[in-house]
């Protein structure tokens, strides 16, 4: 028996806003979508075009809260990048860096729903 990672899921309030964010900030592109026949949810699977791992964004029509409660957990996605200086410059210009750890040489960006994404050198 062999298990392999398939995807991670983030629930999002505004699917189009999140799709734009992930494409502009991390170059992720949708590779497939699934919509409920009754319109109650939409799933969008994003890919970096290199690895098999995907990010699933889930939009729920009937979600009534203003935001998702992300809790106190420090869960996050992590991306490696081959040009850390260019990535940092791009993300700083876009205003999405939420935390930097210069001693470790890493930083985090935050998506429109408050999820943190770690950026680490390759």
N, C-alpha and C. Protein backbone atom coordinates (compact mmCIF):
# COMPACT_ATOMS: atom_id res chain seq x y z
N UNK A 1 0.85 -1.17 0.00
CA UNK A 1 0.00 0.00 0.00
C UNK A 1 0.89 1.24 0.00
N UNK A 2 0.58 2.20 -0.85
CA UNK A 2 1.38 3.42 -0.97
C UNK A 2 0.45 4.63 -1.01
N UNK A 3 0.64 5.57 -0.09
CA UNK A 3 -0.14 6.81 -0.07
C UNK A 3 0.70 7.92 -0.68
N UNK A 4 0.05 8.80 -1.45
CA UNK A 4 0.73 9.95 -2.04
C UNK A 4 -0.15 11.19 -1.82
N UNK A 5 0.49 12.33 -1.61
CA UNK A 5 -0.25 13.58 -1.50
C UNK A 5 -1.01 13.85 -2.79
N UNK A 6 -2.22 14.36 -2.67
CA UNK A 6 -3.02 14.73 -3.84
C UNK A 6 -3.25 16.24 -3.86
N UNK A 7 -3.81 16.78 -2.76
CA UNK A 7 -4.07 18.21 -2.71
C UNK A 7 -4.31 18.67 -1.28
N UNK A 8 -4.27 19.97 -1.10
CA UNK A 8 -4.71 20.64 0.13
C UNK A 8 -5.91 21.48 -0.23
N UNK A 9 -6.77 21.74 0.74
CA UNK A 9 -7.97 22.54 0.51
C UNK A 9 -7.94 23.80 1.35
N UNK A 10 -8.33 24.93 0.74
CA UNK A 10 -8.62 26.16 1.45
C UNK A 10 -10.04 26.57 1.06
N UNK A 11 -10.89 26.86 2.05
CA UNK A 11 -12.20 27.43 1.76
C UNK A 11 -12.02 28.93 1.56
N UNK A 12 -12.71 29.48 0.56
CA UNK A 12 -12.54 30.90 0.21
C UNK A 12 -13.89 31.59 0.12
N UNK A 13 -13.91 32.87 0.46
CA UNK A 13 -15.15 33.66 0.42
C UNK A 13 -15.47 34.15 -1.00
N UNK A 14 -14.44 34.52 -1.75
CA UNK A 14 -14.63 35.07 -3.10
C UNK A 14 -13.72 34.29 -4.04
N UNK A 15 -14.28 33.33 -4.77
CA UNK A 15 -13.48 32.43 -5.59
C UNK A 15 -12.70 33.19 -6.66
N UNK A 16 -13.32 34.13 -7.34
CA UNK A 16 -12.62 34.85 -8.40
C UNK A 16 -11.46 35.67 -7.85
N UNK A 17 -11.66 36.31 -6.71
CA UNK A 17 -10.59 37.08 -6.07
C UNK A 17 -9.43 36.16 -5.70
N UNK A 18 -9.75 34.99 -5.15
CA UNK A 18 -8.70 34.04 -4.77
C UNK A 18 -7.98 33.48 -5.98
N UNK A 19 -8.72 33.17 -7.05
CA UNK A 19 -8.07 32.68 -8.27
C UNK A 19 -7.09 33.71 -8.81
N UNK A 20 -7.49 34.98 -8.83
CA UNK A 20 -6.59 36.05 -9.29
C UNK A 20 -5.36 36.14 -8.40
N UNK A 21 -5.57 36.08 -7.08
CA UNK A 21 -4.46 36.16 -6.13
C UNK A 21 -3.44 35.05 -6.40
N UNK A 22 -3.89 33.82 -6.46
CA UNK A 22 -2.96 32.71 -6.61
C UNK A 22 -2.27 32.71 -7.96
N UNK A 23 -2.93 33.22 -8.98
CA UNK A 23 -2.26 33.30 -10.28
C UNK A 23 -1.24 34.44 -10.29
N UNK A 24 -1.61 35.61 -9.77
CA UNK A 24 -0.72 36.76 -9.79
C UNK A 24 0.46 36.61 -8.84
N UNK A 25 0.22 36.00 -7.69
CA UNK A 25 1.24 35.93 -6.64
C UNK A 25 2.13 34.70 -6.76
N UNK A 26 1.56 33.55 -7.14
CA UNK A 26 2.32 32.30 -7.16
C UNK A 26 2.30 31.58 -8.50
N UNK A 27 1.73 32.19 -9.52
CA UNK A 27 1.66 31.61 -10.86
C UNK A 27 0.90 30.29 -10.91
N UNK A 28 -0.02 30.06 -9.97
CA UNK A 28 -0.83 28.86 -9.99
C UNK A 28 -2.00 29.05 -10.96
N UNK A 29 -2.30 28.00 -11.69
CA UNK A 29 -3.37 28.07 -12.69
C UNK A 29 -4.40 26.97 -12.43
N UNK A 30 -5.68 27.29 -12.66
CA UNK A 30 -6.72 26.27 -12.50
C UNK A 30 -6.55 25.17 -13.55
N UNK A 31 -6.63 23.92 -13.11
CA UNK A 31 -6.53 22.79 -14.04
C UNK A 31 -7.85 22.05 -14.17
N UNK A 32 -8.74 22.23 -13.19
CA UNK A 32 -10.08 21.68 -13.31
C UNK A 32 -10.98 22.32 -12.27
N UNK A 33 -12.26 22.31 -12.55
CA UNK A 33 -13.25 22.82 -11.61
C UNK A 33 -14.40 21.82 -11.52
N UNK A 34 -15.12 21.92 -10.44
CA UNK A 34 -16.31 21.09 -10.25
C UNK A 34 -17.35 21.97 -9.58
N UNK A 35 -18.53 22.00 -10.16
CA UNK A 35 -19.62 22.77 -9.58
C UNK A 35 -20.75 21.83 -9.19
N UNK A 36 -21.34 22.08 -8.03
CA UNK A 36 -22.49 21.29 -7.60
C UNK A 36 -23.65 21.58 -8.53
N UNK A 37 -24.42 20.57 -8.89
CA UNK A 37 -25.57 20.79 -9.76
C UNK A 37 -26.55 21.85 -9.23
N UNK A 38 -26.65 21.95 -7.90
CA UNK A 38 -27.56 22.94 -7.31
C UNK A 38 -26.88 24.28 -7.05
N UNK A 39 -25.60 24.42 -7.43
CA UNK A 39 -24.88 25.68 -7.24
C UNK A 39 -24.41 25.94 -5.82
N UNK A 40 -24.48 24.94 -4.95
CA UNK A 40 -24.12 25.14 -3.54
C UNK A 40 -22.63 25.23 -3.28
N UNK A 41 -21.80 24.74 -4.21
CA UNK A 41 -20.36 24.86 -4.04
C UNK A 41 -19.67 24.82 -5.39
N UNK A 42 -18.48 25.37 -5.41
CA UNK A 42 -17.58 25.26 -6.56
C UNK A 42 -16.20 24.92 -6.05
N UNK A 43 -15.58 23.95 -6.69
CA UNK A 43 -14.20 23.57 -6.38
C UNK A 43 -13.32 23.98 -7.56
N UNK A 44 -12.18 24.56 -7.26
CA UNK A 44 -11.20 24.88 -8.30
C UNK A 44 -9.87 24.30 -7.86
N UNK A 45 -9.27 23.48 -8.70
CA UNK A 45 -7.98 22.84 -8.40
C UNK A 45 -6.89 23.60 -9.14
N UNK A 46 -5.89 24.08 -8.40
CA UNK A 46 -4.80 24.87 -8.96
C UNK A 46 -3.52 24.07 -9.00
N UNK A 47 -2.72 24.31 -10.02
CA UNK A 47 -1.46 23.59 -10.20
C UNK A 47 -0.33 24.58 -10.47
N UNK A 48 0.88 24.18 -10.05
CA UNK A 48 2.07 24.96 -10.40
C UNK A 48 2.63 24.53 -11.74
N UNK A 49 2.05 23.52 -12.36
CA UNK A 49 2.50 23.05 -13.66
C UNK A 49 3.74 22.18 -13.62
N UNK A 50 4.26 21.94 -12.42
CA UNK A 50 5.49 21.17 -12.27
C UNK A 50 5.28 19.93 -11.41
N UNK A 51 4.74 20.12 -10.23
CA UNK A 51 4.54 19.02 -9.31
C UNK A 51 3.11 18.48 -9.43
N UNK A 52 2.86 17.25 -8.99
CA UNK A 52 1.50 16.73 -9.06
C UNK A 52 0.57 17.29 -7.97
N UNK A 53 1.15 17.89 -6.93
CA UNK A 53 0.35 18.41 -5.82
C UNK A 53 -0.50 19.60 -6.28
N UNK A 54 -1.74 19.67 -5.80
CA UNK A 54 -2.64 20.75 -6.18
C UNK A 54 -3.22 21.43 -4.95
N UNK A 55 -3.66 22.68 -5.16
CA UNK A 55 -4.39 23.42 -4.13
C UNK A 55 -5.85 23.47 -4.57
N UNK A 56 -6.72 22.96 -3.72
CA UNK A 56 -8.16 22.99 -3.99
C UNK A 56 -8.76 24.20 -3.27
N UNK A 57 -9.38 25.08 -4.02
CA UNK A 57 -10.11 26.21 -3.43
C UNK A 57 -11.59 25.83 -3.45
N UNK A 58 -12.25 25.96 -2.31
CA UNK A 58 -13.67 25.62 -2.20
C UNK A 58 -14.46 26.87 -1.87
N UNK A 59 -15.44 27.17 -2.73
CA UNK A 59 -16.37 28.26 -2.47
C UNK A 59 -17.71 27.64 -2.12
N UNK A 60 -18.30 28.08 -0.99
CA UNK A 60 -19.58 27.57 -0.51
C UNK A 60 -20.63 28.68 -0.59
N UNK A 61 -21.67 28.45 -1.36
CA UNK A 61 -22.70 29.47 -1.58
C UNK A 61 -23.38 29.91 -0.28
N UNK A 62 -23.68 28.97 0.60
CA UNK A 62 -24.49 29.28 1.77
C UNK A 62 -23.68 29.57 3.04
N UNK A 63 -22.39 29.86 2.89
CA UNK A 63 -21.59 30.20 4.06
C UNK A 63 -22.03 31.56 4.56
N UNK A 64 -22.42 31.65 5.82
CA UNK A 64 -23.03 32.87 6.34
C UNK A 64 -22.09 33.76 7.14
N UNK A 65 -20.95 33.25 7.57
CA UNK A 65 -20.03 34.05 8.37
C UNK A 65 -19.22 34.98 7.48
N UNK A 66 -18.76 36.08 8.05
CA UNK A 66 -17.99 37.07 7.28
C UNK A 66 -16.59 36.55 6.92
N UNK A 67 -16.03 35.69 7.78
CA UNK A 67 -14.69 35.14 7.53
C UNK A 67 -14.67 33.69 8.00
N UNK A 68 -13.62 32.99 7.61
CA UNK A 68 -13.39 31.65 8.12
C UNK A 68 -12.54 31.75 9.37
N UNK A 69 -12.85 30.95 10.37
CA UNK A 69 -12.07 30.91 11.60
C UNK A 69 -10.88 29.99 11.36
N UNK A 70 -9.71 30.57 11.24
CA UNK A 70 -8.51 29.78 10.96
C UNK A 70 -7.86 29.24 12.23
N UNK A 71 -8.38 29.61 13.38
CA UNK A 71 -7.89 29.07 14.63
C UNK A 71 -6.49 29.53 14.98
N UNK A 72 -5.91 28.86 15.95
CA UNK A 72 -4.57 29.20 16.42
C UNK A 72 -3.50 28.29 15.85
N UNK A 73 -3.89 27.36 15.01
CA UNK A 73 -2.92 26.47 14.39
C UNK A 73 -2.01 27.25 13.46
N UNK A 74 -0.80 26.79 13.33
CA UNK A 74 0.13 27.42 12.39
C UNK A 74 0.22 26.59 11.11
N UNK A 75 -0.93 26.12 10.61
CA UNK A 75 -0.90 25.36 9.36
C UNK A 75 -0.68 26.34 8.21
N UNK A 76 0.00 25.87 7.19
CA UNK A 76 0.27 26.71 6.03
C UNK A 76 0.77 25.84 4.89
N UNK A 77 0.78 26.40 3.72
CA UNK A 77 1.43 25.79 2.58
C UNK A 77 2.83 26.37 2.49
N UNK A 78 3.75 25.65 1.87
CA UNK A 78 5.09 26.17 1.65
C UNK A 78 5.46 25.98 0.19
N UNK A 79 6.05 27.00 -0.39
CA UNK A 79 6.52 26.95 -1.77
C UNK A 79 8.01 27.24 -1.79
N UNK A 80 8.76 26.49 -2.59
CA UNK A 80 10.15 26.84 -2.83
C UNK A 80 10.19 27.72 -4.07
N UNK A 81 11.21 28.54 -4.15
CA UNK A 81 11.37 29.42 -5.30
C UNK A 81 12.85 29.48 -5.67
N UNK A 82 13.12 29.49 -6.97
CA UNK A 82 14.51 29.47 -7.43
C UNK A 82 15.17 30.84 -7.41
N UNK A 83 14.41 31.91 -7.28
CA UNK A 83 14.96 33.26 -7.20
C UNK A 83 14.28 34.00 -6.05
N UNK A 84 14.82 33.79 -4.86
CA UNK A 84 14.22 34.34 -3.64
C UNK A 84 14.16 35.85 -3.67
N UNK A 85 15.19 36.49 -4.17
CA UNK A 85 15.24 37.96 -4.22
C UNK A 85 14.12 38.50 -5.11
N UNK A 86 13.94 37.92 -6.29
CA UNK A 86 12.89 38.37 -7.20
C UNK A 86 11.50 38.10 -6.62
N UNK A 87 11.33 36.94 -5.98
CA UNK A 87 10.04 36.60 -5.38
C UNK A 87 9.71 37.59 -4.26
N UNK A 88 10.69 37.85 -3.39
CA UNK A 88 10.47 38.78 -2.28
C UNK A 88 10.11 40.17 -2.81
N UNK A 89 10.81 40.61 -3.81
CA UNK A 89 10.54 41.92 -4.41
C UNK A 89 9.12 41.97 -4.97
N UNK A 90 8.74 40.94 -5.68
CA UNK A 90 7.39 40.85 -6.27
C UNK A 90 6.32 40.89 -5.19
N UNK A 91 6.49 40.09 -4.14
CA UNK A 91 5.49 40.00 -3.08
C UNK A 91 5.45 41.27 -2.24
N UNK A 92 6.60 41.90 -2.04
CA UNK A 92 6.63 43.16 -1.30
C UNK A 92 5.88 44.23 -2.07
N UNK A 93 6.11 44.30 -3.37
CA UNK A 93 5.42 45.27 -4.22
C UNK A 93 3.91 45.03 -4.21
N UNK A 94 3.49 43.78 -4.14
CA UNK A 94 2.07 43.44 -4.13
C UNK A 94 1.44 43.64 -2.75
N UNK A 95 2.27 43.84 -1.73
CA UNK A 95 1.77 44.09 -0.38
C UNK A 95 1.19 42.89 0.33
N UNK A 96 1.65 41.69 -0.03
CA UNK A 96 1.05 40.50 0.58
C UNK A 96 1.98 39.80 1.59
N UNK A 97 3.17 40.35 1.85
CA UNK A 97 4.05 39.76 2.86
C UNK A 97 3.49 40.09 4.24
N UNK A 98 3.29 39.05 5.06
CA UNK A 98 2.73 39.26 6.39
C UNK A 98 3.72 38.97 7.51
N UNK A 99 4.79 38.24 7.21
CA UNK A 99 5.80 37.93 8.23
C UNK A 99 7.11 37.56 7.55
N UNK A 100 8.20 38.08 8.10
CA UNK A 100 9.52 37.74 7.57
C UNK A 100 10.40 37.22 8.69
N UNK A 101 11.18 36.19 8.40
CA UNK A 101 12.18 35.69 9.32
C UNK A 101 13.51 35.74 8.58
N UNK A 102 14.16 36.88 8.68
CA UNK A 102 15.41 37.09 7.95
C UNK A 102 16.50 36.13 8.39
N UNK A 103 16.52 35.77 9.69
CA UNK A 103 17.54 34.85 10.18
C UNK A 103 17.43 33.48 9.51
N UNK A 104 16.22 33.06 9.21
CA UNK A 104 16.01 31.77 8.54
C UNK A 104 15.99 31.92 7.02
N UNK A 105 15.90 33.16 6.54
CA UNK A 105 15.87 33.38 5.09
C UNK A 105 14.55 33.00 4.45
N UNK A 106 13.46 33.15 5.20
CA UNK A 106 12.12 32.82 4.70
C UNK A 106 11.18 33.97 4.97
N UNK A 107 10.02 33.92 4.32
CA UNK A 107 8.95 34.86 4.64
C UNK A 107 7.61 34.22 4.32
N UNK A 108 6.55 34.85 4.78
CA UNK A 108 5.20 34.37 4.55
C UNK A 108 4.39 35.43 3.84
N UNK A 109 3.51 34.99 2.95
CA UNK A 109 2.52 35.88 2.35
C UNK A 109 1.15 35.45 2.85
N UNK A 110 0.18 36.34 2.73
CA UNK A 110 -1.16 36.04 3.21
C UNK A 110 -2.15 36.21 2.07
N UNK A 111 -3.04 35.23 1.91
CA UNK A 111 -4.03 35.29 0.83
C UNK A 111 -5.25 36.11 1.28
N UNK A 112 -6.22 36.36 0.40
CA UNK A 112 -7.37 37.20 0.76
C UNK A 112 -8.21 36.68 1.92
N UNK A 113 -8.13 35.39 2.23
CA UNK A 113 -8.90 34.83 3.33
C UNK A 113 -8.09 34.64 4.61
N UNK A 114 -6.84 35.10 4.60
CA UNK A 114 -6.02 35.03 5.80
C UNK A 114 -5.11 33.82 5.91
N UNK A 115 -5.10 32.95 4.90
CA UNK A 115 -4.20 31.80 4.93
C UNK A 115 -2.76 32.27 4.68
N UNK A 116 -1.83 31.68 5.42
CA UNK A 116 -0.42 32.01 5.25
C UNK A 116 0.25 31.01 4.31
N UNK A 117 1.15 31.51 3.50
CA UNK A 117 1.92 30.67 2.57
C UNK A 117 3.39 31.00 2.78
N UNK A 118 4.18 29.99 3.12
CA UNK A 118 5.62 30.17 3.36
C UNK A 118 6.37 30.13 2.05
N UNK A 119 7.31 31.06 1.90
CA UNK A 119 8.18 31.09 0.73
C UNK A 119 9.59 30.81 1.22
N UNK A 120 10.19 29.74 0.65
CA UNK A 120 11.52 29.32 1.06
C UNK A 120 12.41 29.18 -0.19
N UNK A 121 13.69 29.45 -0.03
CA UNK A 121 14.58 29.27 -1.19
C UNK A 121 14.70 27.80 -1.56
N UNK A 122 14.86 27.55 -2.86
CA UNK A 122 14.96 26.17 -3.34
C UNK A 122 16.18 25.51 -2.85
